[in-house]
C-alpha atoms as a PDB file:
ATOM      1  CA  MET A   1      42.635-134.691-102.815  1.00  0.00           C
ATOM      2  CA  ILE A   2      41.811-135.833 -99.126  1.00  0.00           C
ATOM      3  CA  ASN A   3      43.661-135.021 -95.725  1.00  0.00           C
ATOM      4  CA  SER A   4      41.213-135.902 -93.262  1.00  0.00           C
ATOM      5  CA  ARG A   5      40.800-134.603 -89.538  1.00  0.00           C
ATOM      6  CA  LYS A   6      37.890-137.048 -88.822  1.00  0.00           C
ATOM      7  CA  ILE A   7      38.662-140.015 -86.266  1.00  0.00           C
ATOM      8  CA  ASP A   8      36.039-142.149 -88.363  1.00  0.00           C
ATOM      9  CA  ASP A   9      38.629-142.060 -91.399  1.00  0.00           C
ATOM     10  CA  LEU A  10      41.217-144.195 -89.471  1.00  0.00           C
ATOM     11  CA  LEU A  11      41.345-148.145 -88.972  1.00  0.00           C
ATOM     12  CA  PRO A  12      38.873-149.217 -86.354  1.00  0.00           C
ATOM     13  CA  VAL A  13      41.583-150.393 -83.778  1.00  0.00           C
ATOM     14  CA  VAL A  14      43.417-146.962 -84.364  1.00  0.00           C
ATOM     15  CA  GLN A  15      39.855-144.805 -83.869  1.00  0.00           C
ATOM     16  CA  GLU A  16      39.869-146.664 -80.475  1.00  0.00           C
ATOM     17  CA  LYS A  17      43.184-145.789 -79.359  1.00  0.00           C
ATOM     18  CA  VAL A  18      42.778-142.197 -80.543  1.00  0.00           C
ATOM     19  CA  ARG A  19      39.340-141.687 -78.914  1.00  0.00           C
ATOM     20  CA  LYS A  20      41.129-143.104 -75.562  1.00  0.00           C
ATOM     21  CA  PHE A  21      44.076-140.542 -76.407  1.00  0.00           C
ATOM     22  CA  LYS A  22      41.620-137.616 -76.746  1.00  0.00           C
ATOM     23  CA  ALA A  23      39.771-138.784 -73.578  1.00  0.00           C
ATOM     24  CA  LEU A  24      42.796-138.851 -71.653  1.00  0.00           C
ATOM     25  CA  CYS A  25      43.801-135.368 -72.750  1.00  0.00           C
ATOM     26  CA  GLU A  26      40.402-134.102 -71.827  1.00  0.00           C
ATOM     27  CA  GLU A  27      40.603-135.762 -68.143  1.00  0.00           C
ATOM     28  CA  ASN A  28      44.170-133.740 -67.943  1.00  0.00           C
ATOM     29  CA  ASP A  29      42.553-130.580 -69.282  1.00  0.00           C
ATOM     30  CA  ILE A  30      44.355-130.486 -72.300  1.00  0.00           C
ATOM     31  CA  ASP A  31      42.504-129.450 -75.303  1.00  0.00           C
ATOM     32  CA  LEU A  32      43.537-131.281 -78.479  1.00  0.00           C
ATOM     33  CA  LEU A  33      43.289-130.597 -81.987  1.00  0.00           C
ATOM     34  CA  ILE A  34      43.555-133.515 -84.599  1.00  0.00           C
ATOM     35  CA  THR A  35      45.053-131.758 -87.771  1.00  0.00           C
ATOM     36  CA  SER A  36      45.381-134.913 -89.693  1.00  0.00           C
ATOM     37  CA  THR A  37      44.325-138.401 -89.779  1.00  0.00           C
ATOM     38  CA  TYR A  38      43.820-140.294 -93.344  1.00  0.00           C
ATOM     39  CA  ARG A  39      45.643-138.555 -96.422  1.00  0.00           C
ATOM     40  CA  ASP A  40      45.308-139.895 -99.786  1.00  0.00           C
ATOM     41  CA  HIS A  41      48.541-140.456-101.893  1.00  0.00           C
ATOM     42  CA  GLU A  42      47.597-137.152-103.978  1.00  0.00           C
ATOM     43  CA  SER A  43      47.556-135.051-100.697  1.00  0.00           C
ATOM     44  CA  GLN A  44      50.444-137.009 -99.356  1.00  0.00           C
ATOM     45  CA  ASN A  45      52.587-136.216-102.596  1.00  0.00           C
ATOM     46  CA  ALA A  46      51.520-132.451-102.116  1.00  0.00           C
ATOM     47  CA  LEU A  47      52.911-132.429 -98.686  1.00  0.00           C
ATOM     48  CA  TYR A  48      56.206-134.203 -99.957  1.00  0.00           C
ATOM     49  CA  ALA A  49      56.808-131.477-102.771  1.00  0.00           C
ATOM     50  CA  LYS A  50      56.847-128.675-100.150  1.00  0.00           C
ATOM     51  CA  GLY A  51      60.416-127.285-100.120  1.00  0.00           C
ATOM     52  CA  ARG A  52      61.394-129.413-102.666  1.00  0.00           C
ATOM     53  CA  THR A  53      59.001-128.319-106.030  1.00  0.00           C
ATOM     54  CA  ALA A  54      56.552-126.136-103.928  1.00  0.00           C
ATOM     55  CA  PRO A  55      57.082-123.170-101.765  1.00  0.00           C
ATOM     56  CA  GLY A  56      57.486-123.897 -98.304  1.00  0.00           C
ATOM     57  CA  ARG A  57      59.577-125.731 -96.004  1.00  0.00           C
ATOM     58  CA  ARG A  58      59.694-129.746 -95.913  1.00  0.00           C
ATOM     59  CA  VAL A  59      57.544-131.240 -93.755  1.00  0.00           C
ATOM     60  CA  THR A  60      57.705-134.864 -94.485  1.00  0.00           C
ATOM     61  CA  ASN A  61      60.248-137.179 -95.967  1.00  0.00           C
ATOM     62  CA  ALA A  62      57.285-139.656 -97.229  1.00  0.00           C
ATOM     63  CA  LYS A  63      55.600-139.645-100.807  1.00  0.00           C
ATOM     64  CA  GLY A  64      52.301-141.176-101.124  1.00  0.00           C
ATOM     65  CA  GLY A  65      52.227-144.870-100.000  1.00  0.00           C
ATOM     66  CA  GLN A  66      54.961-144.117 -97.679  1.00  0.00           C
ATOM     67  CA  SER A  67      53.205-142.641 -94.653  1.00  0.00           C
ATOM     68  CA  TRP A  68      51.135-144.197 -92.278  1.00  0.00           C
ATOM     69  CA  HIS A  69      48.433-141.689 -92.563  1.00  0.00           C
ATOM     70  CA  ASN A  70      47.717-143.178 -96.360  1.00  0.00           C
ATOM     71  CA  TRP A  71      47.306-146.161 -94.561  1.00  0.00           C
ATOM     72  CA  ARG A  72      44.816-144.849 -91.896  1.00  0.00           C
ATOM     73  CA  CYS A  73      46.876-145.798 -89.138  1.00  0.00           C
ATOM     74  CA  ALA A  74      48.336-141.953 -88.124  1.00  0.00           C
ATOM     75  CA  ILE A  75      47.122-138.804 -86.718  1.00  0.00           C
ATOM     76  CA  ASP A  76      49.024-135.218 -86.350  1.00  0.00           C
ATOM     77  CA  VAL A  77      47.680-133.192 -83.424  1.00  0.00           C
ATOM     78  CA  VAL A  78      48.276-129.946 -81.390  1.00  0.00           C
ATOM     79  CA  PRO A  79      47.407-128.833 -78.010  1.00  0.00           C
ATOM     80  CA  LEU A  80      45.203-125.536 -77.956  1.00  0.00           C
ATOM     81  CA  THR A  81      46.322-123.089 -75.501  1.00  0.00           C
ATOM     82  CA  ASN A  82      43.374-120.424 -74.969  1.00  0.00           C
ATOM     83  CA  GLY A  83      41.864-121.793 -77.861  1.00  0.00           C
ATOM     84  CA  LYS A  84      44.881-121.292 -80.375  1.00  0.00           C
ATOM     85  CA  PRO A  85      47.162-123.942 -81.445  1.00  0.00           C
ATOM     86  CA  ASN A  86      50.424-124.297 -79.311  1.00  0.00           C
ATOM     87  CA  TRP A  87      53.208-125.086 -81.613  1.00  0.00           C
ATOM     88  CA  ASN A  88      55.612-124.327 -78.976  1.00  0.00           C
ATOM     89  CA  THR A  89      57.102-127.733 -78.516  1.00  0.00           C
ATOM     90  CA  LYS A  90      59.199-126.405 -75.796  1.00  0.00           C
ATOM     91  CA  ASP A  91      56.105-125.882 -73.783  1.00  0.00           C
ATOM     92  CA  PRO A  92      55.709-128.902 -71.033  1.00  0.00           C
ATOM     93  CA  VAL A  93      52.141-129.317 -72.201  1.00  0.00           C
ATOM     94  CA  TRP A  94      53.679-131.153 -75.423  1.00  0.00           C
ATOM     95  CA  MET A  95      55.686-133.881 -73.176  1.00  0.00           C
ATOM     96  CA  LYS A  96      52.303-134.588 -71.434  1.00  0.00           C
ATOM     97  CA  VAL A  97      50.400-134.889 -74.701  1.00  0.00           C
ATOM     98  CA  GLY A  98      53.124-137.440 -75.843  1.00  0.00           C
ATOM     99  CA  GLU A  99      52.836-139.225 -72.524  1.00  0.00           C
ATOM    100  CA  LEU A 100      48.884-139.653 -72.854  1.00  0.00           C
ATOM    101  CA  GLY A 101      49.473-140.821 -76.434  1.00  0.00           C
ATOM    102  CA  LYS A 102      51.667-143.729 -75.323  1.00  0.00           C
ATOM    103  CA  GLU A 103      49.419-144.541 -72.378  1.00  0.00           C
ATOM    104  CA  ALA A 104      46.510-144.840 -75.050  1.00  0.00           C
ATOM    105  CA  GLY A 105      48.594-147.418 -76.910  1.00  0.00           C
ATOM    106  CA  LEU A 106      50.115-145.257 -79.673  1.00  0.00           C
ATOM    107  CA  GLU A 107      53.451-144.799 -81.015  1.00  0.00           C
ATOM    108  CA  TRP A 108      55.041-141.260 -80.598  1.00  0.00           C
ATOM    109  CA  ALA A 109      57.131-140.030 -83.294  1.00  0.00           C
ATOM    110  CA  TRP A 110      59.205-137.707 -81.159  1.00  0.00           C
ATOM    111  CA  GLU A 111      60.721-140.804 -79.814  1.00  0.00           C
ATOM    112  CA  TRP A 112      61.848-142.333 -82.982  1.00  0.00           C
ATOM    113  CA  LYS A 113      65.644-142.905 -83.927  1.00  0.00           C
ATOM    114  CA  GLY A 114      66.866-140.882 -86.580  1.00  0.00           C
ATOM    115  CA  PRO A 115      66.795-137.304 -87.775  1.00  0.00           C
ATOM    116  CA  PHE A 116      63.400-136.764 -88.630  1.00  0.00           C
ATOM    117  CA  LYS A 117      61.436-136.834 -85.267  1.00  0.00           C
ATOM    118  CA  GLU A 118      57.806-135.338 -84.772  1.00  0.00           C
ATOM    119  CA  MET A 119      56.080-134.165 -81.674  1.00  0.00           C
ATOM    120  CA  ALA A 120      52.776-134.058 -83.326  1.00  0.00           C
ATOM    121  CA  HIS A 121      52.913-137.303 -84.981  1.00  0.00           C
ATOM    122  CA  PHE A 122      51.339-140.636 -83.231  1.00  0.00           C
ATOM    123  CA  GLN A 123      50.646-143.944 -84.853  1.00  0.00           C
ATOM    124  CA  HIS A 124      49.563-147.368 -84.453  1.00  0.00           C
ATOM    125  CA  THR A 125      51.278-149.989 -86.889  1.00  0.00           C
ATOM    126  CA  GLY A 126      50.193-153.344 -85.192  1.00  0.00           C
ATOM    127  CA  GLY A 127      53.613-154.457 -85.358  1.00  0.00           C
ATOM    128  CA  LEU A 128      53.767-154.141 -89.249  1.00  0.00           C
ATOM    129  CA  THR A 129      55.865-152.212 -91.458  1.00  0.00           C
ATOM    130  CA  LEU A 130      54.967-149.946 -94.265  1.00  0.00           C
ATOM    131  CA  ALA A 131      56.042-152.940 -96.590  1.00  0.00           C
ATOM    132  CA  ASP A 132      53.857-155.469 -95.037  1.00  0.00           C
ATOM    133  CA  LEU A 133      50.646-153.063 -95.845  1.00  0.00           C
ATOM    134  CA  GLN A 134      52.041-152.374 -99.337  1.00  0.00           C
ATOM    135  CA  ALA A 135      52.375-156.036 -99.633  1.00  0.00           C
ATOM    136  CA  GLY A 136      48.456-156.317 -98.696  1.00  0.00           C
ATOM    137  CA  LYS A 137      48.711-157.192 -95.090  1.00  0.00           C
ATOM    138  CA  THR A 138      46.074-155.432 -92.852  1.00  0.00           C
ATOM    139  CA  ILE A 139      46.328-154.343 -89.217  1.00  0.00           C
ATOM    140  CA  GLY A 140      43.386-155.900 -87.207  1.00  0.00           C
END
């Protein structure tokens, strides 16, 4: 089961954007922790089970193969405050993190339409859909 935090486990084009994102955060005195990059299907299915068939609250609506993490295109992050994860999404630092992620060329899941928005999730799709990736198309 793989749930990586390594930038090197992402697609090269995504690695470039994530490194720019991290650099922009550093320039703005934001210490950013990447909590997830690539996840294999088994790890994704384990997350999907939370709040359904496993203890915990629901954290995703995506099964294995239905998450951008499974295709090496997404990251989850949390800003650190005094060295500790700051999950208080009402803290203005989160909006700054979102702005910097977008400036780096990433899509911010907080701006998605619909009920499942995530402040911690950023991705690069290259204009493709999950169906495109499942059909064998690649992000270059």
